[in-house]
Protein backbone atom coordinates (compact mmCIF):
# COMPACT_ATOMS: atom_id res chain seq x y z
CA UNK A 1 10.70 8.44 14.29
CA UNK A 2 13.62 8.02 11.99
CA UNK A 3 13.69 5.70 9.04
CA UNK A 4 15.87 3.22 10.95
CA UNK A 5 13.47 2.59 13.82
CA UNK A 6 10.22 2.29 11.85
CA UNK A 7 8.60 -1.13 11.62
CA UNK A 8 9.13 -3.08 8.40
CA UNK A 9 6.57 -5.58 7.18
CA UNK A 10 6.66 -8.22 4.49
CA UNK A 11 3.66 -7.82 2.15
CA UNK A 12 1.89 -10.74 3.84
CA UNK A 13 2.20 -9.08 7.27
CA UNK A 14 0.92 -5.55 6.56
CA UNK A 15 -1.95 -4.65 8.94
CA UNK A 16 -5.27 -3.72 7.34
CA UNK A 17 -5.08 -0.09 8.49
CA UNK A 18 -1.77 0.66 6.72
CA UNK A 19 -1.60 1.55 3.04
CA UNK A 20 0.94 2.86 0.55
CA UNK A 21 0.47 6.36 -0.81
CA UNK A 22 -0.54 4.85 -4.16
CA UNK A 23 -3.35 2.82 -2.55
CA UNK A 24 -4.53 5.85 -0.57
CA UNK A 25 -4.63 7.83 -3.80
CA UNK A 26 -6.80 5.14 -5.39
CA UNK A 27 -9.21 5.55 -2.48
CA UNK A 28 -9.26 9.31 -3.06
CA UNK A 29 -7.27 10.04 0.11
CA UNK A 30 -4.03 11.83 0.95
CA UNK A 31 -1.94 11.30 4.10
CA UNK A 32 -1.92 14.09 6.68
CA UNK A 33 1.01 12.72 8.70
CA UNK A 34 4.37 11.14 8.00
CA UNK A 35 4.64 7.44 7.15
CA UNK A 36 4.51 5.05 10.11
CA UNK A 37 6.13 1.91 8.65
CA UNK A 38 7.49 0.27 5.50
CA UNK A 39 6.49 -2.69 3.38
CA UNK A 40 9.58 -4.55 2.15
CA UNK A 41 9.86 -6.67 -0.99
CA UNK A 42 13.19 -8.50 -0.43
CA UNK A 43 13.19 -10.19 -3.84
CA UNK A 44 13.04 -6.76 -5.51
CA UNK A 45 15.24 -4.99 -2.97
CA UNK A 46 12.51 -2.33 -2.59
CA UNK A 47 10.55 -0.83 0.24
CA UNK A 48 7.54 1.47 0.23
CA UNK A 49 6.24 3.84 2.88
CA UNK A 50 3.06 2.87 4.72
CA UNK A 51 0.56 5.40 6.06
CA UNK A 52 -2.17 4.96 8.67
CA UNK A 53 -5.62 5.37 7.13
CA UNK A 54 -6.75 7.20 10.28
CA UNK A 55 -4.35 10.02 9.39
CA UNK A 56 -5.79 10.85 5.95
CA UNK A 57 -8.18 13.32 4.38
CA UNK A 58 -9.99 13.83 1.10
CA UNK A 59 -8.18 16.37 -1.07
CA UNK A 60 -9.90 19.27 -2.77
CA UNK A 61 -11.29 18.06 -6.07
CA UNK A 62 -9.47 19.31 -9.14
CA UNK A 63 -11.37 19.90 -12.32
CA UNK A 64 -10.13 17.81 -15.16
CA UNK A 65 -10.20 14.35 -16.58
CA UNK A 66 -8.34 11.31 -15.29
CA UNK A 67 -8.35 7.71 -16.47
CA UNK A 68 -7.29 6.49 -13.04
CA UNK A 69 -10.05 4.85 -11.00
CA UNK A 70 -10.44 6.57 -7.65
CA UNK A 71 -12.77 6.40 -4.69
CA UNK A 72 -12.33 2.69 -4.13
CA UNK A 73 -13.49 1.54 -0.72
CA UNK A 74 -11.13 0.18 1.90
CA UNK A 75 -12.73 -3.21 1.39
CA UNK A 76 -12.02 -3.11 -2.35
CA UNK A 77 -8.39 -2.18 -1.76
CA UNK A 78 -8.01 -4.95 0.84
CA UNK A 79 -9.53 -7.43 -1.62
CA UNK A 80 -7.06 -6.19 -4.25
CA UNK A 81 -4.22 -6.64 -1.74
CA UNK A 82 -5.35 -10.22 -1.13
CA UNK A 83 -5.25 -10.98 -4.87
CA UNK A 84 -1.80 -9.38 -5.16
CA UNK A 85 -0.52 -11.57 -2.32
CA UNK A 86 -1.87 -14.70 -4.01
CA UNK A 87 -0.06 -13.77 -7.24
CA UNK A 88 3.13 -12.99 -5.30
CA UNK A 89 2.95 -16.38 -3.55
CA UNK A 90 2.70 -18.18 -6.91
CA UNK A 91 5.55 -16.12 -8.38
CA UNK A 92 7.81 -16.77 -5.40
CA UNK A 93 7.10 -20.51 -5.45
CA UNK A 94 7.91 -20.56 -9.19
CA UNK A 95 11.25 -18.85 -8.50
CA UNK A 96 12.11 -21.41 -5.82
CA UNK A 97 11.36 -24.33 -8.16
CA UNK A 98 13.83 -23.10 -10.77
C-alpha cells in the first residue's frame, strides 16, 4: 500500500492492536512488516506510522545500560494511551475556550 491509501486515525480512534514504533519499543518489540496506518494529530499537523502488534518480534538483547523503561505489557501501554487521550481532551477543550 502506498502512503496515500493507508487508513488514518485520530488518536481517539486507534484500534488496540495498532501501535507507534515508539510504543512498540517500550514493549521491547520491533516491527517485522511495514506500517499499516497512521495516527494523525491535526492540531500539531503531524502524523505517525502505526504498526500491527501481530507483526512484531523481540529483538536480540544488546549488552549495555539504558534508562528507558522497556518490556511494558500491552495492557500497560493501552492504559498509558487512555491517560494520554484524557490529557489531550482537556488540552483541546482549553484551546477551544480561548
